Amino acid sequence: MPDAEPATTDAFLGGAFHLLQPARGGLRSGDDALLLAATVEPGQGGRAIDMGSGSGAAGWAAAIRAPGLSLTLAERDPMMAGLARRTLALPENAANAHRFAVAELDLLGSRPAREAVGLLDGAFDLVVTNPPFHPAGGRRSPDAARAGAKSVPDADFTARWIATASALLRHGGAFRMITRPDTLGDILPSCRNRLGGLTLRAVHSKPEAPAIRILLAATRGSRAPLRLLPPLVLDAPTKAALSAGTLTIAMT
């Protein structure tokens, strides 16, 4: 059973929340989830959904940053959804657990299937997502859970993922994504006529190194043009602020 999965309890943001993660195999969260959450404005309120949440690192980090948010962690993998539910029961998370719900489903299934677990179109003020981004047909991890979380299943995945995110957002709702630079060729066309006002910020490990990640912000229904912001370099002070939860990544 998923709820019996051996797990470690890991502290994030200096102990602001604790997360259950697979003790062996599966997907363990790191800087990507924290970078994504750092793009959420502290004053953001309303309902948010973490699409493909795993056990919930990005959603929890966003909730700590923005106390006015309520979060749905949406995850299709039973093991990871089970860990997300168990994370809500940790005593260390008691002060914020009431702000969360876990939805176990395939987000790319039918609209009635989403509605059956309470995910109504237009119901969310914010979508955050760290979706699979390793190319379809490429080398996959031998660990099935990790491969499912990191590898794009088919060529249409990105377009369908973004279409679902747009459907879940209210008009004017905010979209935040972290991805690899080589996925932009699929992402940008998929946003057309759905998500506008796209803002991109490249993330670099060193100033002279190629970008390793792209942070993307957008607004449902916006007609504003695409903007490219100055890069973010993960030097030692920036990484320390990221781990402590004090880093804010402006996307406007």
Protein backbone atom coordinates (compact mmCIF):
# COMPACT_ATOMS: atom_id res chain seq x y z
CA MET A 1 0.00 0.00 0.00
CA PRO A 2 1.27 3.54 -0.74
CA ASP A 3 0.88 4.68 2.86
CA ALA A 4 3.31 1.96 4.00
CA GLU A 5 6.12 3.29 1.78
CA PRO A 6 9.36 3.73 3.78
CA ALA A 7 10.14 7.43 3.99
CA THR A 8 12.47 9.99 5.47
CA THR A 9 11.26 13.15 7.18
CA ASP A 10 13.15 16.13 5.80
CA ALA A 11 13.13 19.74 7.00
CA PHE A 12 12.82 22.57 4.47
CA LEU A 13 13.22 26.34 4.75
CA GLY A 14 15.04 26.10 8.03
CA GLY A 15 12.38 23.84 9.54
CA ALA A 16 9.38 25.92 8.43
CA PHE A 17 7.87 22.68 7.16
CA HIS A 18 8.75 19.00 7.07
CA LEU A 19 8.20 16.66 4.15
CA LEU A 20 7.98 12.89 3.89
CA GLN A 21 9.97 11.64 0.90
CA PRO A 22 10.78 8.16 -0.43
CA ALA A 23 13.58 6.53 1.52
CA ARG A 24 14.67 4.64 -1.60
CA GLY A 25 13.80 5.31 -5.21
CA GLY A 26 11.10 7.72 -6.26
CA LEU A 27 11.45 11.46 -6.51
CA ARG A 28 13.12 13.54 -3.81
CA SER A 29 12.71 17.29 -3.98
CA GLY A 30 15.46 19.90 -4.00
CA ASP A 31 16.30 23.30 -5.42
CA ASP A 32 13.79 23.14 -8.29
CA ALA A 33 10.81 23.08 -5.93
CA LEU A 34 12.23 25.92 -3.83
CA LEU A 35 13.05 28.05 -6.88
CA LEU A 36 9.50 27.60 -8.15
CA ALA A 37 8.01 28.57 -4.79
CA ALA A 38 10.29 31.61 -4.55
CA THR A 39 8.47 33.12 -7.55
CA VAL A 40 5.19 33.24 -5.60
CA GLU A 41 4.52 36.69 -4.21
CA PRO A 42 4.12 36.74 -0.40
CA GLY A 43 0.85 38.63 -0.77
CA GLN A 44 -0.68 36.03 -3.08
CA GLY A 45 -3.96 34.74 -1.69
CA GLY A 46 -6.85 32.51 -2.69
CA ARG A 47 -6.75 28.95 -3.97
CA ALA A 48 -3.62 27.41 -5.47
CA ILE A 49 -2.87 24.05 -7.03
CA ASP A 50 0.51 22.35 -7.27
CA MET A 51 0.18 20.27 -10.46
CA GLY A 52 2.25 17.09 -10.27
CA SER A 53 3.11 17.86 -6.67
CA GLY A 54 5.01 14.75 -5.64
CA SER A 55 4.84 14.75 -1.86
CA GLY A 56 4.34 18.53 -1.90
CA ALA A 57 7.63 20.44 -1.61
CA ALA A 58 6.76 23.30 -3.97
CA GLY A 59 3.24 23.65 -2.61
CA TRP A 60 4.40 23.68 0.99
CA ALA A 61 7.17 26.20 0.28
CA ALA A 62 4.67 28.44 -1.54
CA ALA A 63 2.25 28.20 1.39
CA ILE A 64 4.93 29.21 3.88
CA ARG A 65 5.80 32.22 1.70
CA ALA A 66 2.18 33.27 1.17
CA PRO A 67 0.06 32.78 4.31
CA GLY A 68 -3.13 33.73 2.44
CA LEU A 69 -3.00 30.68 0.16
CA SER A 70 -4.90 27.41 0.45
CA LEU A 71 -3.26 24.61 -1.51
CA THR A 72 -4.32 21.50 -3.39
CA LEU A 73 -1.52 19.02 -4.01
CA ALA A 74 -2.46 17.12 -7.18
CA GLU A 75 -0.47 13.95 -7.85
CA ARG A 76 -1.19 10.83 -9.90
CA ASP A 77 1.38 8.47 -8.38
CA PRO A 78 -0.23 6.61 -5.45
CA MET A 79 3.03 6.32 -3.53
CA MET A 80 3.77 10.05 -3.74
CA ALA A 81 0.15 11.03 -3.02
CA GLY A 82 0.28 8.77 0.02
CA LEU A 83 3.40 10.54 1.26
CA ALA A 84 1.69 13.91 0.68
CA ARG A 85 -1.23 12.79 2.87
CA ARG A 86 1.12 11.51 5.56
CA THR A 87 3.04 14.79 5.43
CA LEU A 88 -0.16 16.63 6.42
CA ALA A 89 -0.30 14.54 9.58
CA LEU A 90 3.22 15.35 10.77
CA PRO A 91 3.13 17.20 14.11
CA GLU A 92 5.71 19.66 12.79
CA ASN A 93 3.18 20.76 10.11
CA ALA A 94 0.15 21.06 12.39
CA ALA A 95 -0.07 24.86 12.18
CA ASN A 96 -0.55 24.82 8.40
CA ALA A 97 -1.96 21.40 7.51
CA HIS A 98 -5.55 22.72 7.48
CA ARG A 99 -4.65 24.83 4.43
CA PHE A 100 -3.96 21.73 2.30
CA ALA A 101 -5.85 19.04 0.43
CA VAL A 102 -4.44 16.14 -1.59
CA ALA A 103 -6.04 15.11 -4.89
CA GLU A 104 -4.86 11.78 -6.29
CA LEU A 105 -5.62 11.73 -10.01
CA ASP A 106 -4.23 11.94 -13.52
CA LEU A 107 -4.59 15.65 -14.30
CA LEU A 108 -4.60 14.86 -18.02
CA GLY A 109 -7.70 12.71 -17.67
CA SER A 110 -11.18 13.95 -18.42
CA ARG A 111 -12.74 17.11 -17.05
CA PRO A 112 -15.43 15.07 -15.21
CA ALA A 113 -12.65 13.09 -13.52
CA ARG A 114 -11.09 16.33 -12.28
CA GLU A 115 -14.45 17.66 -11.15
CA ALA A 116 -15.12 14.43 -9.23
CA VAL A 117 -12.23 15.27 -6.87
CA GLY A 118 -13.17 18.96 -6.63
CA LEU A 119 -10.84 20.42 -9.25
CA LEU A 120 -13.25 22.68 -11.12
CA ASP A 121 -12.28 24.71 -14.14
CA GLY A 122 -11.67 28.36 -13.31
CA ALA A 123 -11.51 27.64 -9.58
CA PHE A 124 -7.87 28.51 -8.88
CA ASP A 125 -6.05 31.80 -8.43
CA LEU A 126 -2.59 30.27 -8.84
CA VAL A 127 -1.05 27.24 -10.53
CA VAL A 128 2.51 26.17 -9.69
CA THR A 129 4.11 23.28 -11.51
CA ASN A 130 7.42 21.48 -11.89
CA PRO A 131 6.34 19.06 -14.62
CA PRO A 132 8.33 16.26 -16.26
CA PHE A 133 10.81 17.74 -18.71
CA HIS A 134 13.16 15.00 -19.91
CA PRO A 135 12.35 14.48 -23.63
CA ALA A 136 9.98 11.72 -24.72
CA GLY A 137 11.92 8.71 -25.99
CA GLY A 138 15.11 9.75 -24.22
CA ARG A 139 17.05 7.89 -21.56
CA ARG A 140 14.83 7.11 -18.57
CA SER A 141 15.70 6.42 -14.96
CA PRO A 142 15.55 2.71 -14.04
CA ASP A 143 13.42 3.74 -11.06
CA ALA A 144 9.84 3.75 -12.37
CA ALA A 145 8.55 6.43 -9.99
CA ARG A 146 11.43 8.78 -10.74
CA ALA A 147 11.11 8.17 -14.48
CA GLY A 148 7.40 8.96 -14.35
CA ALA A 149 8.05 12.22 -12.51
CA LYS A 150 10.90 13.42 -14.73
CA SER A 151 10.31 12.04 -18.23
CA VAL A 152 7.75 13.44 -20.68
CA PRO A 153 5.48 10.49 -21.60
CA ASP A 154 4.65 11.58 -25.17
CA ALA A 155 5.07 14.41 -27.65
CA ASP A 156 1.71 15.99 -26.78
CA PHE A 157 2.30 16.08 -23.03
CA THR A 158 3.40 19.72 -22.72
CA ALA A 159 0.48 21.10 -24.72
CA ARG A 160 -2.03 19.05 -22.71
CA TRP A 161 -0.41 19.98 -19.38
CA ILE A 162 -0.55 23.69 -20.10
CA ALA A 163 -4.10 23.43 -21.45
CA THR A 164 -5.15 21.80 -18.17
CA ALA A 165 -3.36 24.46 -16.11
CA SER A 166 -5.09 27.20 -18.09
CA ALA A 167 -8.49 25.53 -17.66
CA LEU A 168 -8.06 25.31 -13.88
CA LEU A 169 -7.10 28.99 -13.58
CA ARG A 170 -9.64 31.78 -13.29
CA HIS A 171 -9.35 34.64 -15.77
CA GLY A 172 -6.46 36.75 -14.52
CA GLY A 173 -5.05 33.87 -12.48
CA ALA A 174 -1.28 33.41 -12.12
CA PHE A 175 0.81 30.58 -13.58
CA ARG A 176 4.30 29.65 -12.37
CA MET A 177 6.51 26.94 -13.87
CA ILE A 178 10.09 25.74 -13.64
CA THR A 179 11.49 23.86 -16.60
CA ARG A 180 14.60 23.16 -18.67
CA PRO A 181 15.66 25.64 -21.36
CA ASP A 182 15.30 23.07 -24.14
CA THR A 183 11.57 22.69 -23.46
CA LEU A 184 10.69 26.26 -24.43
CA GLY A 185 10.10 25.27 -28.03
CA ASP A 186 7.09 23.24 -26.86
CA ILE A 187 5.98 25.49 -23.99
CA LEU A 188 5.71 28.83 -25.75
CA PRO A 189 3.35 27.67 -28.55
CA SER A 190 1.28 25.78 -25.98
CA CYS A 191 0.66 29.00 -24.04
CA ARG A 192 -0.68 30.87 -27.07
CA ASN A 193 -4.33 31.98 -26.66
CA ARG A 194 -4.32 30.56 -23.13
CA LEU A 195 -1.64 32.18 -21.01
CA GLY A 196 -0.23 35.63 -21.81
CA GLY A 197 2.13 38.18 -20.34
CA LEU A 198 4.84 35.52 -20.28
CA THR A 199 7.90 36.45 -18.26
CA LEU A 200 11.05 34.32 -18.34
CA ARG A 201 14.04 34.29 -16.01
CA ALA A 202 16.97 31.99 -16.71
CA VAL A 203 18.74 30.26 -13.81
CA HIS A 204 22.50 29.67 -14.05
CA SER A 205 24.84 27.68 -11.81
CA LYS A 206 27.67 30.15 -12.64
CA PRO A 207 27.65 33.52 -14.43
CA GLU A 208 29.58 32.15 -17.42
CA ALA A 209 27.64 28.84 -17.61
CA PRO A 210 24.61 28.08 -19.79
CA ALA A 211 21.20 28.27 -18.12
CA ILE A 212 20.15 25.11 -16.30
CA ARG A 213 16.54 26.07 -15.62
CA ILE A 214 13.91 28.55 -16.81
CA LEU A 215 11.39 30.15 -14.47
CA LEU A 216 8.20 31.12 -16.29
CA ALA A 217 5.36 33.34 -15.10
CA ALA A 218 2.15 34.01 -17.02
CA THR A 219 -1.41 35.22 -16.55
CA ARG A 220 -4.52 33.60 -17.93
CA GLY A 221 -6.14 35.86 -20.50
CA SER A 222 -3.36 38.45 -20.60
CA ARG A 223 -2.36 39.98 -23.94
CA ALA A 224 0.89 41.51 -22.68
CA PRO A 225 4.03 40.69 -24.69
CA LEU A 226 6.71 38.25 -23.61
CA ARG A 227 9.49 39.67 -21.44
CA LEU A 228 12.93 38.28 -20.63
CA LEU A 229 14.21 39.26 -17.18
CA PRO A 230 17.84 39.39 -15.98
CA PRO A 231 19.27 35.97 -15.10
CA LEU A 232 19.48 34.46 -11.63
CA VAL A 233 22.88 33.01 -10.69
CA LEU A 234 22.95 30.36 -7.96
CA ASP A 235 26.00 31.63 -6.13
CA ALA A 236 26.59 30.73 -2.49
CA PRO A 237 24.59 33.61 -0.94
CA THR A 238 21.67 32.99 -3.30
CA LYS A 239 21.61 29.28 -2.52
CA ALA A 240 21.75 30.03 1.22
CA ALA A 241 18.79 32.40 0.90
CA LEU A 242 16.93 29.80 -1.16
CA SER A 243 17.42 27.14 1.50
CA ALA A 244 16.42 29.52 4.28
CA GLY A 245 13.27 30.65 2.47
CA THR A 246 14.33 34.29 2.36
CA LEU A 247 14.90 34.46 -1.42
CA THR A 248 12.24 36.24 -3.46
CA ILE A 249 12.45 35.89 -7.24
CA ALA A 250 10.56 38.74 -8.85
CA MET A 251 8.75 37.74 -12.04
CA THR A 252 7.32 41.15 -12.94
